[in-house]
Protein backbone atom coordinates (compact mmCIF):
# COMPACT_ATOMS: atom_id res chain seq x y z
CA MET A 1 0.00 0.00 0.00
CA VAL A 2 2.87 2.35 0.83
CA LEU A 3 4.50 1.45 -2.50
CA LEU A 4 1.31 2.44 -4.34
CA GLY A 5 1.24 5.75 -2.48
CA VAL A 6 4.83 6.49 -3.47
CA ALA A 7 4.08 5.55 -7.08
CA LEU A 8 1.03 7.83 -7.09
CA LEU A 9 3.07 10.72 -5.71
CA ALA A 10 5.83 10.19 -8.29
CA ALA A 11 3.31 9.98 -11.14
CA THR A 12 1.60 13.16 -10.00
CA LEU A 13 4.89 15.05 -9.88
CA LEU A 14 5.74 13.87 -13.40
CA ALA A 15 2.38 15.02 -14.76
CA PHE A 16 3.07 18.70 -14.15
CA PRO A 17 5.65 20.76 -16.03
CA ALA A 18 8.76 21.61 -14.06
CA ASN A 19 8.95 24.99 -15.76
CA ALA A 20 5.77 26.76 -16.88
CA ALA A 21 7.89 28.72 -19.39
CA ASP A 22 8.32 25.58 -21.51
CA ARG A 23 5.09 25.07 -23.44
CA THR A 24 4.07 22.38 -25.93
CA ILE A 25 1.19 23.08 -28.29
CA VAL A 26 -0.18 20.41 -30.63
CA ILE A 27 -1.77 21.80 -33.80
CA SER A 28 -3.32 19.69 -36.52
CA ALA A 29 -4.52 20.64 -39.99
CA SER A 30 -7.78 19.00 -40.97
CA GLY A 31 -10.49 20.15 -43.37
CA THR A 32 -8.44 23.25 -44.24
CA ALA A 33 -8.57 24.44 -40.62
CA TRP A 34 -6.17 24.46 -37.68
CA HIS A 35 -7.20 22.57 -34.55
CA PRO A 36 -7.37 24.05 -31.98
CA SER A 37 -8.95 26.98 -33.74
CA GLY A 38 -9.12 29.30 -30.72
CA PRO A 39 -6.43 31.62 -29.44
CA ILE A 40 -3.20 30.22 -27.99
CA THR A 41 -1.99 32.26 -25.01
CA VAL A 42 1.62 32.32 -23.83
CA ALA A 43 3.81 34.69 -21.81
CA PRO A 44 6.67 36.75 -23.23
CA GLY A 45 9.86 34.67 -23.14
CA ASP A 46 8.06 31.31 -23.05
CA ASN A 47 9.73 28.60 -25.11
CA VAL A 48 6.84 27.31 -27.18
CA THR A 49 7.19 24.05 -29.09
CA PHE A 50 4.59 23.49 -31.78
CA ILE A 51 3.96 19.90 -32.82
CA LEU A 52 2.23 20.03 -36.20
CA TYR A 53 0.19 17.25 -37.78
CA ASN A 54 -1.21 17.42 -41.30
CA ASN A 55 -4.32 15.25 -41.49
CA ASP A 56 -5.32 16.65 -44.91
CA SER A 57 -4.47 15.03 -48.24
CA PHE A 58 -2.58 18.13 -49.41
CA ALA A 59 0.33 20.21 -48.11
CA HIS A 60 0.19 23.20 -45.75
CA SER A 61 2.72 25.73 -44.55
CA PHE A 62 3.05 26.99 -40.99
CA ILE A 63 3.83 30.66 -40.39
CA VAL A 64 4.07 32.39 -37.01
CA GLU A 65 3.83 36.12 -37.68
CA GLY A 66 6.45 38.25 -35.96
CA HIS A 67 8.49 35.25 -34.78
CA GLY A 68 10.45 34.30 -37.90
CA VAL A 69 8.75 30.94 -38.46
CA ASP A 70 7.86 29.95 -42.02
CA ILE A 71 8.15 26.20 -42.31
CA ALA A 72 9.43 25.22 -45.71
CA PRO A 73 9.22 22.76 -47.22
CA TRP A 74 5.57 22.69 -46.44
CA VAL A 75 4.07 20.21 -44.03
CA GLY A 76 3.07 17.47 -46.46
CA PRO A 77 0.02 15.20 -46.26
CA GLY A 78 0.25 12.79 -43.34
CA VAL A 79 3.47 14.42 -42.10
CA SER A 80 4.28 15.86 -38.68
CA ARG A 81 6.83 18.58 -37.90
CA THR A 82 8.09 20.28 -34.77
CA THR A 83 9.28 23.86 -34.38
CA THR A 84 10.11 25.93 -31.30
CA ILE A 85 9.90 29.68 -30.78
CA THR A 86 10.59 32.02 -27.92
CA ALA A 87 7.50 34.18 -27.47
CA GLY A 88 8.27 37.82 -28.24
CA ALA A 89 6.77 41.08 -27.08
CA GLU A 90 3.20 41.29 -25.83
CA GLY A 91 0.63 41.39 -28.58
CA THR A 92 -1.50 39.23 -30.83
CA TYR A 93 0.16 37.49 -33.75
CA ASP A 94 -1.30 35.35 -36.52
CA ILE A 95 -0.41 31.70 -36.92
CA TYR A 96 -1.51 30.77 -40.41
CA CYS A 97 -1.10 28.61 -43.48
CA GLY A 98 0.55 30.51 -46.32
CA VAL A 99 -0.81 28.28 -49.10
CA SER A 100 -2.77 30.42 -51.52
CA GLY A 101 -6.39 30.68 -50.36
CA HIS A 102 -5.86 28.93 -47.00
CA ARG A 103 -5.16 31.89 -44.71
CA THR A 104 -8.84 32.88 -44.32
CA SER A 105 -9.79 29.50 -42.84
CA MET A 106 -6.42 28.59 -41.31
CA THR A 107 -5.53 31.45 -38.96
CA VAL A 108 -5.18 31.13 -35.18
CA ASP A 109 -4.28 33.96 -32.79
CA LEU A 110 -1.08 33.65 -30.78
CA VAL A 111 -1.65 35.92 -27.78
CA VAL A 112 1.52 36.90 -25.93
CA SER A 113 0.48 38.36 -22.59
CA THR A 114 1.90 38.87 -19.10
CA GLY A 115 -1.54 38.19 -17.61
CA SER A 116 -2.21 35.07 -15.56
CA ILE A 117 -1.59 32.12 -17.84
CA PRO A 118 -2.26 28.65 -16.49
CA PRO A 119 0.51 26.22 -17.38
CA LYS A 120 -0.55 23.99 -20.26
CA LYS A 121 0.99 20.72 -21.15
CA THR A 122 -0.01 18.35 -23.85
CA PRO A 123 -1.05 15.07 -22.26
CA GLY A 124 1.58 12.44 -22.78
CA PRO A 125 2.84 9.26 -21.14
CA GLU A 126 2.68 10.91 -17.72
CA LEU A 127 -1.12 11.06 -17.97
CA ILE A 128 -1.24 7.34 -18.75
CA LEU A 129 1.06 6.65 -15.79
CA VAL A 130 -1.21 8.63 -13.45
CA ALA A 131 -4.32 6.85 -14.76
CA PHE A 132 -2.66 3.43 -14.39
CA THR A 133 -1.46 4.26 -10.87
CA LEU A 134 -4.94 5.38 -9.82
CA PHE A 135 -6.43 2.20 -11.31
CA ALA A 136 -3.89 0.07 -9.44
CA LEU A 137 -4.60 1.93 -6.20
CA VAL A 138 -8.37 1.38 -6.51
CA ALA A 139 -7.81 -2.29 -7.37
CA ALA A 140 -5.53 -2.75 -4.33
CA ILE A 141 -8.09 -1.13 -2.02
CA ARG A 142 -10.88 -3.35 -3.37
CA LEU A 143 -8.75 -6.48 -3.00
CA SER A 144 -7.81 -5.58 0.58
CA ARG A 145 -11.49 -5.16 1.50
CA ARG A 146 -12.38 -8.65 0.19
CA LYS A 147 -10.20 -10.37 2.79
């Protein structure tokens, strides 16, 4: 039981970012739209890693206005790419696809603000570890009650 408690504590600590200034944002292209389609908020100086997935059957580009990102060659069909920026001065910048005719439906706001920004982390293996640990803890409690 103590071992499960230690495992739960370790899994919980792993599930939260050690440094809120390191951000990972997953963006996918599907149906000539970026997902998520709402604004992405970060703080000035944050190191923001974008993981890009192209779920369309045609290529897209990925441009972050004011941050020197213009991924070329384009993100091809079924391809994923990763790029990292350091968020600049406060303001709102466009993230968009530069393919002719795509910008109107493929633009997302990147909001750089010093306001209160909750740390965001893309769920990864840590989330699975936490879920598994909780499942094991519940199973151990149920088994101990049967005896």
